[in-house]
Amino acid sequence: QVQLVESGGGLVQAGGSLTLSCAASDGTFRRYAVGWFRQTPGKEREFVAAITWTGITYSTKYADSVKGRFTISRDNAKNTVYLQMSSLKPQDTAVYYCAAGERITIVTMDDPGRYEYWGQGTQVTVSS
């Protein structure tokens, strides 16, 4: 079973940047799709970004609300996936979770129900 640990959250002013990290306990992590989701109180978990192996290359997908501002990347040598966030807005405030799963395709990578493993979350707060 893969364990995921997020880090890098914190308080930042609007317009600022943060980079979240998702570190996995298992080297098999490299073949998993990895997604970032976020959640605010009273709302459902929302897709942010994901990266998956297509068999030829890695493919990424972003929510419309973060396109052009967030970048997902991975370093398989470190069993870590990153979410670089820039031009942050107060509406980006949430608990951010990373998730991993094996049987996830380009079509399903924005569906939280497809992911098998979840981290504990890290709080991101953007002040106006």
Foldseek 3Di string as FASTA:
>chain_A
DKAWAKDWADEAAQQAKIKMKIAIPDLVLVQKKKFKWWDDPPDDIFGAKIWHQPVPGIDMDGDPVQPPFWDWDDDSVRRMIMIIGGSDDQVVWTWMKMFIANPADPVRGRPPVRTDYIYPTDTHGYHD
